[in-house]
N, C-alpha and C. Protein backbone atom coordinates (compact mmCIF):
# COMPACT_ATOMS: atom_id res chain seq x y z
N MET A 1 -4.55 -7.39 25.85
CA MET A 1 -5.66 -7.64 24.96
C MET A 1 -5.61 -6.75 23.72
N ALA A 2 -4.89 -5.65 23.76
CA ALA A 2 -4.84 -4.74 22.62
C ALA A 2 -4.10 -5.34 21.44
N GLN A 3 -3.13 -6.20 21.69
CA GLN A 3 -2.33 -6.78 20.62
C GLN A 3 -3.17 -7.60 19.63
N PRO A 4 -4.03 -8.55 20.09
CA PRO A 4 -4.83 -9.30 19.11
C PRO A 4 -5.75 -8.41 18.28
N GLN A 5 -6.29 -7.35 18.88
CA GLN A 5 -7.13 -6.44 18.12
C GLN A 5 -6.32 -5.70 17.06
N MET A 6 -5.10 -5.33 17.38
CA MET A 6 -4.25 -4.66 16.42
C MET A 6 -3.90 -5.60 15.28
N ASP A 7 -3.61 -6.85 15.60
CA ASP A 7 -3.31 -7.83 14.56
C ASP A 7 -4.51 -8.02 13.63
N ALA A 8 -5.70 -8.06 14.18
CA ALA A 8 -6.90 -8.21 13.37
C ALA A 8 -7.10 -6.99 12.48
N LYS A 9 -6.82 -5.80 13.02
CA LYS A 9 -6.95 -4.58 12.24
C LYS A 9 -5.93 -4.56 11.10
N GLN A 10 -4.70 -4.96 11.40
CA GLN A 10 -3.67 -4.99 10.37
C GLN A 10 -4.01 -6.01 9.29
N LEU A 11 -4.53 -7.16 9.69
CA LEU A 11 -4.93 -8.18 8.72
C LEU A 11 -6.05 -7.65 7.84
N LYS A 12 -7.01 -6.99 8.43
CA LYS A 12 -8.12 -6.43 7.67
C LYS A 12 -7.62 -5.41 6.65
N GLU A 13 -6.71 -4.52 7.07
CA GLU A 13 -6.16 -3.52 6.16
C GLU A 13 -5.36 -4.17 5.03
N PHE A 14 -4.58 -5.20 5.38
CA PHE A 14 -3.83 -5.93 4.36
C PHE A 14 -4.77 -6.55 3.34
N LEU A 15 -5.81 -7.22 3.82
CA LEU A 15 -6.75 -7.88 2.92
C LEU A 15 -7.50 -6.89 2.04
N GLN A 16 -7.84 -5.74 2.59
CA GLN A 16 -8.49 -4.71 1.78
C GLN A 16 -7.55 -4.22 0.68
N SER A 17 -6.31 -4.01 1.03
CA SER A 17 -5.32 -3.57 0.05
C SER A 17 -5.10 -4.65 -1.01
N TYR A 18 -4.99 -5.89 -0.58
CA TYR A 18 -4.81 -7.00 -1.51
C TYR A 18 -6.00 -7.11 -2.46
N ASN A 19 -7.21 -6.97 -1.93
CA ASN A 19 -8.41 -7.05 -2.78
C ASN A 19 -8.44 -5.91 -3.80
N LYS A 20 -8.05 -4.71 -3.39
CA LYS A 20 -8.01 -3.59 -4.33
C LYS A 20 -7.00 -3.85 -5.44
N LEU A 21 -5.84 -4.36 -5.05
CA LEU A 21 -4.79 -4.67 -6.01
C LEU A 21 -5.25 -5.72 -7.01
N THR A 22 -5.79 -6.82 -6.52
CA THR A 22 -6.20 -7.89 -7.42
C THR A 22 -7.34 -7.44 -8.33
N GLU A 23 -8.27 -6.68 -7.80
CA GLU A 23 -9.38 -6.20 -8.62
C GLU A 23 -8.90 -5.25 -9.71
N ALA A 24 -8.02 -4.32 -9.34
CA ALA A 24 -7.53 -3.36 -10.33
C ALA A 24 -6.71 -4.05 -11.41
N CYS A 25 -5.79 -4.92 -11.01
CA CYS A 25 -4.94 -5.61 -11.99
C CYS A 25 -5.75 -6.57 -12.84
N PHE A 26 -6.71 -7.25 -12.25
CA PHE A 26 -7.54 -8.17 -13.02
C PHE A 26 -8.34 -7.41 -14.07
N SER A 27 -8.98 -6.33 -13.67
CA SER A 27 -9.81 -5.60 -14.63
C SER A 27 -8.97 -4.92 -15.71
N ASP A 28 -7.74 -4.54 -15.38
CA ASP A 28 -6.87 -3.90 -16.37
C ASP A 28 -6.18 -4.89 -17.30
N CYS A 29 -5.92 -6.11 -16.83
CA CYS A 29 -5.04 -7.03 -17.56
C CYS A 29 -5.72 -8.24 -18.17
N ILE A 30 -6.82 -8.68 -17.59
CA ILE A 30 -7.42 -9.92 -18.05
C ILE A 30 -8.65 -9.60 -18.89
N GLY A 31 -8.61 -10.11 -20.13
CA GLY A 31 -9.73 -9.81 -21.02
C GLY A 31 -10.21 -11.00 -21.83
N ASP A 32 -9.42 -12.07 -21.86
CA ASP A 32 -9.77 -13.24 -22.66
C ASP A 32 -10.25 -14.35 -21.74
N PHE A 33 -11.54 -14.64 -21.79
CA PHE A 33 -12.12 -15.66 -20.93
C PHE A 33 -12.43 -16.94 -21.69
N THR A 34 -11.83 -17.09 -22.89
CA THR A 34 -12.10 -18.28 -23.69
C THR A 34 -11.18 -19.44 -23.35
N SER A 35 -10.19 -19.22 -22.49
CA SER A 35 -9.25 -20.27 -22.12
C SER A 35 -8.98 -20.22 -20.62
N ARG A 36 -8.63 -21.36 -20.06
CA ARG A 36 -8.28 -21.41 -18.64
C ARG A 36 -6.90 -20.83 -18.40
N LYS A 37 -6.05 -20.86 -19.41
CA LYS A 37 -4.68 -20.41 -19.26
C LYS A 37 -4.57 -18.91 -19.49
N LEU A 38 -3.63 -18.30 -18.77
CA LEU A 38 -3.34 -16.88 -18.98
C LEU A 38 -2.49 -16.72 -20.23
N LEU A 39 -2.77 -15.68 -20.97
CA LEU A 39 -1.92 -15.33 -22.09
C LEU A 39 -0.63 -14.72 -21.55
N ASP A 40 0.44 -14.80 -22.31
CA ASP A 40 1.70 -14.19 -21.88
C ASP A 40 1.53 -12.70 -21.63
N SER A 41 0.75 -12.04 -22.48
CA SER A 41 0.53 -10.60 -22.30
C SER A 41 -0.23 -10.32 -21.01
N GLU A 42 -1.15 -11.19 -20.64
CA GLU A 42 -1.90 -11.02 -19.38
C GLU A 42 -0.98 -11.24 -18.18
N LYS A 43 -0.09 -12.22 -18.28
CA LYS A 43 0.87 -12.47 -17.20
C LYS A 43 1.78 -11.27 -17.01
N ARG A 44 2.33 -10.75 -18.11
CA ARG A 44 3.23 -9.59 -18.02
C ARG A 44 2.49 -8.38 -17.44
N CYS A 45 1.30 -8.14 -17.94
CA CYS A 45 0.51 -7.01 -17.46
C CYS A 45 0.23 -7.14 -15.96
N SER A 46 -0.17 -8.32 -15.53
CA SER A 46 -0.48 -8.55 -14.11
C SER A 46 0.75 -8.34 -13.24
N PHE A 47 1.88 -8.87 -13.68
CA PHE A 47 3.11 -8.71 -12.91
C PHE A 47 3.50 -7.24 -12.82
N ASN A 48 3.45 -6.53 -13.96
CA ASN A 48 3.80 -5.10 -13.96
C ASN A 48 2.84 -4.29 -13.10
N CYS A 49 1.58 -4.62 -13.15
CA CYS A 49 0.57 -3.93 -12.34
C CYS A 49 0.87 -4.10 -10.86
N MET A 50 1.14 -5.35 -10.46
CA MET A 50 1.44 -5.64 -9.07
C MET A 50 2.71 -4.92 -8.62
N GLU A 51 3.74 -4.98 -9.46
CA GLU A 51 5.01 -4.35 -9.11
C GLU A 51 4.86 -2.84 -8.94
N LYS A 52 4.14 -2.20 -9.86
CA LYS A 52 3.93 -0.76 -9.76
C LYS A 52 3.13 -0.39 -8.51
N TYR A 53 2.12 -1.18 -8.21
CA TYR A 53 1.29 -0.91 -7.04
C TYR A 53 2.12 -1.02 -5.77
N LEU A 54 2.93 -2.07 -5.67
CA LEU A 54 3.75 -2.25 -4.47
C LEU A 54 4.79 -1.14 -4.33
N LYS A 55 5.40 -0.73 -5.44
CA LYS A 55 6.37 0.36 -5.39
C LYS A 55 5.69 1.67 -4.99
N MET A 56 4.47 1.88 -5.50
CA MET A 56 3.74 3.10 -5.16
C MET A 56 3.40 3.14 -3.68
N THR A 57 2.92 2.03 -3.14
CA THR A 57 2.57 2.02 -1.72
C THR A 57 3.81 2.17 -0.85
N GLN A 58 4.93 1.63 -1.29
CA GLN A 58 6.18 1.79 -0.55
C GLN A 58 6.61 3.25 -0.54
N ARG A 59 6.51 3.93 -1.69
CA ARG A 59 6.88 5.35 -1.76
C ARG A 59 5.97 6.20 -0.89
N ILE A 60 4.69 5.91 -0.93
CA ILE A 60 3.74 6.66 -0.10
C ILE A 60 4.07 6.48 1.37
N SER A 61 4.38 5.26 1.76
CA SER A 61 4.72 4.98 3.15
C SER A 61 5.99 5.75 3.56
N LEU A 62 7.00 5.75 2.71
CA LEU A 62 8.22 6.48 3.02
C LEU A 62 7.96 7.98 3.14
N ARG A 63 7.18 8.52 2.23
CA ARG A 63 6.86 9.96 2.29
C ARG A 63 6.08 10.30 3.55
N PHE A 64 5.17 9.43 3.93
CA PHE A 64 4.40 9.65 5.14
C PHE A 64 5.32 9.64 6.36
N GLN A 65 6.26 8.71 6.40
CA GLN A 65 7.21 8.65 7.51
C GLN A 65 8.06 9.92 7.56
N GLU A 66 8.51 10.39 6.40
CA GLU A 66 9.30 11.63 6.34
C GLU A 66 8.48 12.81 6.86
N TYR A 67 7.22 12.87 6.47
CA TYR A 67 6.33 13.93 6.91
C TYR A 67 6.15 13.88 8.43
N GLN A 68 5.95 12.68 8.98
CA GLN A 68 5.79 12.52 10.41
C GLN A 68 7.03 12.99 11.16
N VAL A 69 8.22 12.66 10.65
CA VAL A 69 9.47 13.10 11.28
C VAL A 69 9.55 14.62 11.26
N GLN A 70 9.22 15.23 10.14
CA GLN A 70 9.24 16.70 10.04
C GLN A 70 8.27 17.33 11.01
N GLN A 71 7.08 16.77 11.11
CA GLN A 71 6.09 17.31 12.03
C GLN A 71 6.58 17.21 13.47
N ASN A 72 7.15 16.06 13.83
CA ASN A 72 7.66 15.87 15.18
C ASN A 72 8.81 16.83 15.48
N GLU A 73 9.71 17.01 14.53
CA GLU A 73 10.82 17.95 14.72
C GLU A 73 10.31 19.37 14.88
N GLY A 74 9.30 19.73 14.10
CA GLY A 74 8.72 21.06 14.21
C GLY A 74 8.07 21.29 15.55
N MET A 75 7.38 20.27 16.06
CA MET A 75 6.73 20.40 17.36
C MET A 75 7.77 20.50 18.47
N LEU A 76 8.85 19.72 18.36
CA LEU A 76 9.91 19.79 19.37
C LEU A 76 10.59 21.15 19.35
N ALA A 77 10.83 21.69 18.17
CA ALA A 77 11.46 23.00 18.06
C ALA A 77 10.56 24.08 18.65
N GLN A 78 9.26 23.96 18.40
CA GLN A 78 8.32 24.94 18.93
C GLN A 78 8.25 24.85 20.46
N GLN A 79 8.27 23.64 20.98
CA GLN A 79 8.24 23.47 22.43
C GLN A 79 9.51 24.03 23.07
N ALA A 80 10.65 23.81 22.42
CA ALA A 80 11.93 24.33 22.94
C ALA A 80 11.94 25.86 22.91
N LYS A 81 11.35 26.40 21.87
CA LYS A 81 11.31 27.86 21.70
C LYS A 81 10.50 28.52 22.81
N TYR A 82 9.38 27.89 23.18
CA TYR A 82 8.50 28.48 24.18
C TYR A 82 8.70 27.89 25.57
N GLY A 83 9.68 27.00 25.72
CA GLY A 83 10.05 26.48 27.03
C GLY A 83 9.03 25.57 27.65
N ARG A 84 8.30 24.83 26.84
CA ARG A 84 7.28 23.93 27.40
C ARG A 84 7.81 22.56 27.56
């Protein structure tokens, strides 16, 4: 039963992240509401915004993983040192 709850939690986190991304990029890039079509500058801005956000979250994730590995290695070394 834990698996469906985890999937729901992951979906919720994804949707929250997606909503933050779309809100930030929309407010930064879209300014002309006189036409249904996006301006080329709005398209470029939106694409660049999305790309930077995704690269940033990827870097944060990698750094977090590196930190977790360091913490685990430190704990293992400490346990070996004290014979636990």
